[in-house]
N, C-alpha and C. Protein backbone atom coordinates (compact mmCIF):
# COMPACT_ATOMS: atom_id res chain seq x y z
N UNK A 1 15.24 48.04 83.98
CA UNK A 1 15.99 49.13 84.59
C UNK A 1 15.50 50.45 84.02
N UNK A 2 15.51 51.41 84.88
CA UNK A 2 15.03 52.70 84.42
C UNK A 2 16.14 53.43 83.66
N UNK A 3 15.73 54.37 82.89
CA UNK A 3 16.68 55.14 82.08
C UNK A 3 17.66 55.92 82.96
N UNK A 4 17.20 56.39 84.09
CA UNK A 4 18.05 57.18 84.98
C UNK A 4 19.19 56.33 85.53
N UNK A 5 18.90 55.09 85.85
CA UNK A 5 19.94 54.19 86.38
C UNK A 5 20.96 53.88 85.29
N UNK A 6 20.49 53.62 84.08
CA UNK A 6 21.40 53.33 82.96
C UNK A 6 22.30 54.52 82.68
N UNK A 7 21.74 55.71 82.65
CA UNK A 7 22.52 56.93 82.40
C UNK A 7 23.54 57.12 83.53
N UNK A 8 23.13 56.88 84.78
CA UNK A 8 24.04 57.02 85.91
C UNK A 8 25.18 56.02 85.82
N UNK A 9 24.89 54.77 85.44
CA UNK A 9 25.93 53.76 85.29
C UNK A 9 26.91 54.12 84.18
N UNK A 10 26.38 54.57 83.06
CA UNK A 10 27.25 54.97 81.93
C UNK A 10 28.11 56.16 82.33
N UNK A 11 27.52 57.14 82.94
CA UNK A 11 28.25 58.34 83.37
C UNK A 11 29.31 57.96 84.40
N UNK A 12 28.95 57.12 85.37
CA UNK A 12 29.91 56.68 86.37
C UNK A 12 31.04 55.88 85.76
N UNK A 13 30.73 55.01 84.79
CA UNK A 13 31.76 54.22 84.12
C UNK A 13 32.73 55.10 83.35
N UNK A 14 32.18 56.07 82.63
CA UNK A 14 33.05 56.98 81.86
C UNK A 14 33.91 57.81 82.82
N UNK A 15 33.32 58.26 83.91
CA UNK A 15 34.07 59.02 84.91
C UNK A 15 35.18 58.17 85.52
N UNK A 16 34.86 56.93 85.85
CA UNK A 16 35.86 56.01 86.41
C UNK A 16 36.98 55.77 85.41
N UNK A 17 36.63 55.54 84.15
CA UNK A 17 37.65 55.32 83.11
C UNK A 17 38.55 56.55 82.97
N UNK A 18 37.96 57.74 82.98
CA UNK A 18 38.76 58.97 82.89
C UNK A 18 39.71 59.10 84.07
N UNK A 19 39.23 58.78 85.26
CA UNK A 19 40.08 58.86 86.44
C UNK A 19 41.23 57.86 86.37
N UNK A 20 40.93 56.64 85.96
CA UNK A 20 41.97 55.62 85.85
C UNK A 20 43.02 56.04 84.82
N UNK A 21 42.59 56.54 83.67
CA UNK A 21 43.55 56.98 82.64
C UNK A 21 44.40 58.14 83.14
N UNK A 22 43.80 59.07 83.87
CA UNK A 22 44.57 60.20 84.41
C UNK A 22 45.59 59.72 85.43
N UNK A 23 45.20 58.77 86.26
CA UNK A 23 46.14 58.23 87.25
C UNK A 23 47.30 57.51 86.57
N UNK A 24 47.01 56.73 85.53
CA UNK A 24 48.06 56.03 84.79
C UNK A 24 49.02 57.01 84.14
N UNK A 25 48.48 58.06 83.52
CA UNK A 25 49.33 59.07 82.86
C UNK A 25 50.21 59.79 83.87
N UNK A 26 49.65 60.17 84.99
CA UNK A 26 50.42 60.85 86.03
C UNK A 26 51.51 59.95 86.58
N UNK A 27 51.18 58.69 86.77
CA UNK A 27 52.16 57.73 87.27
C UNK A 27 53.32 57.58 86.30
N UNK A 28 53.02 57.49 85.03
CA UNK A 28 54.09 57.38 84.01
C UNK A 28 54.98 58.62 84.00
N UNK A 29 54.36 59.79 84.08
CA UNK A 29 55.12 61.04 84.06
C UNK A 29 56.03 61.13 85.28
N UNK A 30 55.51 60.76 86.44
CA UNK A 30 56.31 60.79 87.66
C UNK A 30 57.45 59.78 87.60
N UNK A 31 57.20 58.63 86.99
CA UNK A 31 58.24 57.62 86.86
C UNK A 31 59.38 58.14 85.99
N UNK A 32 59.04 58.80 84.90
CA UNK A 32 60.07 59.35 84.01
C UNK A 32 60.88 60.42 84.75
N UNK A 33 60.19 61.30 85.49
CA UNK A 33 60.89 62.34 86.23
C UNK A 33 61.80 61.75 87.31
N UNK A 34 61.32 60.72 87.98
CA UNK A 34 62.14 60.07 89.01
C UNK A 34 63.37 59.41 88.40
N UNK A 35 63.21 58.79 87.24
CA UNK A 35 64.35 58.16 86.57
C UNK A 35 65.39 59.19 86.17
N UNK A 36 64.94 60.35 85.69
CA UNK A 36 65.87 61.43 85.35
C UNK A 36 66.61 61.92 86.59
N UNK A 37 65.86 62.13 87.67
CA UNK A 37 66.49 62.60 88.90
C UNK A 37 67.49 61.57 89.43
N UNK A 38 67.15 60.30 89.32
CA UNK A 38 68.05 59.24 89.77
C UNK A 38 69.31 59.21 88.92
N UNK A 39 69.17 59.42 87.62
CA UNK A 39 70.34 59.44 86.75
C UNK A 39 71.26 60.61 87.11
N UNK A 40 70.68 61.77 87.41
CA UNK A 40 71.48 62.93 87.81
C UNK A 40 72.20 62.65 89.12
N UNK A 41 71.48 62.05 90.08
CA UNK A 41 72.10 61.74 91.36
C UNK A 41 73.24 60.74 91.20
N UNK A 42 73.05 59.75 90.34
CA UNK A 42 74.12 58.76 90.12
C UNK A 42 75.35 59.43 89.51
N UNK A 43 75.13 60.35 88.57
CA UNK A 43 76.24 61.06 87.95
C UNK A 43 76.98 61.90 88.99
N UNK A 44 76.21 62.61 89.82
CA UNK A 44 76.84 63.43 90.86
C UNK A 44 77.59 62.57 91.86
N UNK A 45 77.03 61.43 92.22
CA UNK A 45 77.70 60.54 93.16
C UNK A 45 79.00 60.00 92.57
N UNK A 46 78.98 59.71 91.26
CA UNK A 46 80.21 59.22 90.62
C UNK A 46 81.30 60.30 90.69
N UNK A 47 80.91 61.55 90.44
CA UNK A 47 81.87 62.65 90.55
C UNK A 47 82.39 62.82 91.96
N UNK A 48 81.48 62.72 92.94
CA UNK A 48 81.91 62.85 94.33
C UNK A 48 82.81 61.69 94.74
N UNK A 49 82.53 60.52 94.23
CA UNK A 49 83.37 59.36 94.54
C UNK A 49 84.78 59.59 94.03
N UNK A 50 84.90 60.13 92.81
CA UNK A 50 86.23 60.43 92.27
C UNK A 50 86.93 61.48 93.13
N UNK A 51 86.18 62.50 93.55
CA UNK A 51 86.78 63.55 94.40
C UNK A 51 87.26 62.96 95.73
N UNK A 52 86.46 62.10 96.31
CA UNK A 52 86.83 61.48 97.59
C UNK A 52 88.07 60.61 97.42
N UNK A 53 88.12 59.85 96.34
CA UNK A 53 89.29 59.00 96.11
C UNK A 53 90.54 59.85 95.93
N UNK A 54 90.40 60.97 95.22
CA UNK A 54 91.54 61.87 95.04
C UNK A 54 91.97 62.44 96.39
N UNK A 55 91.02 62.86 97.18
CA UNK A 55 91.33 63.38 98.51
C UNK A 55 92.02 62.33 99.36
N UNK A 56 91.52 61.12 99.31
CA UNK A 56 92.13 60.05 100.11
C UNK A 56 93.56 59.76 99.68
N UNK A 57 93.82 59.86 98.37
CA UNK A 57 95.20 59.66 97.90
C UNK A 57 96.12 60.74 98.48
N UNK A 58 95.67 62.01 98.45
CA UNK A 58 96.48 63.08 99.01
C UNK A 58 96.67 62.90 100.52
N UNK A 59 95.60 62.50 101.19
CA UNK A 59 95.71 62.28 102.64
C UNK A 59 96.68 61.15 102.93
N UNK A 60 96.65 60.11 102.13
CA UNK A 60 97.57 59.00 102.34
C UNK A 60 99.01 59.43 102.08
N UNK A 61 99.23 60.20 101.00
CA UNK A 61 100.58 60.69 100.71
C UNK A 61 101.07 61.56 101.86
N UNK A 62 100.20 62.42 102.39
CA UNK A 62 100.58 63.29 103.49
C UNK A 62 100.93 62.45 104.72
N UNK A 63 100.10 61.46 105.01
CA UNK A 63 100.34 60.61 106.17
C UNK A 63 101.66 59.85 106.03
N UNK A 64 101.97 59.43 104.81
CA UNK A 64 103.22 58.71 104.58
C UNK A 64 104.43 59.64 104.70
N UNK A 65 104.26 60.92 104.37
CA UNK A 65 105.38 61.86 104.38
C UNK A 65 105.58 62.54 105.72
N UNK A 66 104.60 62.48 106.62
CA UNK A 66 104.73 63.15 107.91
C UNK A 66 105.95 62.65 108.69
N UNK A 67 106.18 61.35 108.79
CA UNK A 67 107.39 60.92 109.52
C UNK A 67 108.67 61.48 108.90
N UNK A 68 108.75 61.51 107.57
CA UNK A 68 109.94 62.05 106.92
C UNK A 68 110.08 63.55 107.21
N UNK A 69 108.96 64.25 107.19
CA UNK A 69 109.00 65.69 107.50
C UNK A 69 109.43 65.91 108.94
N UNK A 70 108.90 65.12 109.86
CA UNK A 70 109.29 65.24 111.27
C UNK A 70 110.79 64.97 111.44
N UNK A 71 111.29 63.96 110.76
CA UNK A 71 112.72 63.66 110.84
C UNK A 71 113.55 64.81 110.28
N UNK A 72 113.09 65.37 109.16
CA UNK A 72 113.80 66.49 108.56
C UNK A 72 113.80 67.69 109.52
N UNK A 73 112.67 67.95 110.17
CA UNK A 73 112.59 69.06 111.11
C UNK A 73 113.51 68.81 112.31
N UNK A 74 113.59 67.57 112.76
CA UNK A 74 114.49 67.25 113.86
C UNK A 74 115.93 67.53 113.45
N UNK A 75 116.28 67.13 112.23
CA UNK A 75 117.63 67.39 111.73
C UNK A 75 117.89 68.89 111.62
N UNK A 76 116.91 69.64 111.13
CA UNK A 76 117.07 71.09 111.00
C UNK A 76 117.24 71.73 112.38
N UNK A 77 116.41 71.29 113.34
CA UNK A 77 116.54 71.81 114.71
C UNK A 77 117.92 71.51 115.29
N UNK A 78 118.41 70.30 115.06
CA UNK A 78 119.72 69.92 115.58
C UNK A 78 120.81 70.77 114.95
N UNK A 79 120.75 70.93 113.63
CA UNK A 79 121.77 71.73 112.94
C UNK A 79 121.70 73.19 113.37
N UNK A 80 120.47 73.69 113.55
CA UNK A 80 120.31 75.07 114.01
C UNK A 80 120.89 75.23 115.43
N UNK A 81 120.64 74.25 116.25
CA UNK A 81 121.20 74.29 117.61
C UNK A 81 122.72 74.29 117.58
N UNK A 82 123.31 73.50 116.68
CA UNK A 82 124.77 73.48 116.57
C UNK A 82 125.30 74.83 116.12
N UNK A 83 124.62 75.45 115.15
CA UNK A 83 125.05 76.76 114.67
C UNK A 83 124.93 77.82 115.78
N UNK A 84 123.86 77.74 116.57
CA UNK A 84 123.70 78.69 117.66
C UNK A 84 124.80 78.51 118.69
N UNK A 85 125.20 77.28 118.97
CA UNK A 85 126.27 77.04 119.94
C UNK A 85 127.60 77.55 119.41
N UNK A 86 127.84 77.40 118.12
CA UNK A 86 129.11 77.86 117.56
C UNK A 86 129.23 79.38 117.62
N UNK A 87 128.11 80.06 117.36
CA UNK A 87 128.16 81.53 117.34
C UNK A 87 128.04 82.15 118.71
N UNK A 88 127.64 81.35 119.70
CA UNK A 88 127.45 81.92 121.04
C UNK A 88 128.74 82.01 121.81
């Protein structure tokens, strides 16, 4: 083999090794960043889940109280009507 071919093979091998190492390092860095972002998203989702559950509790309480409020308003309207008839 000629010296030029040997030098080209060595140079190509070193270049290939450098590229592979750079790709591995970049992949590791991106993996760490993705894991951090995923942890932040999970934390935010946990907070949103708590907020949604709290909202749903209030909505359920409101839905349960609406019939009682309607009944109370009916009673108030009836009593108001009686008072208006007495004063008229």
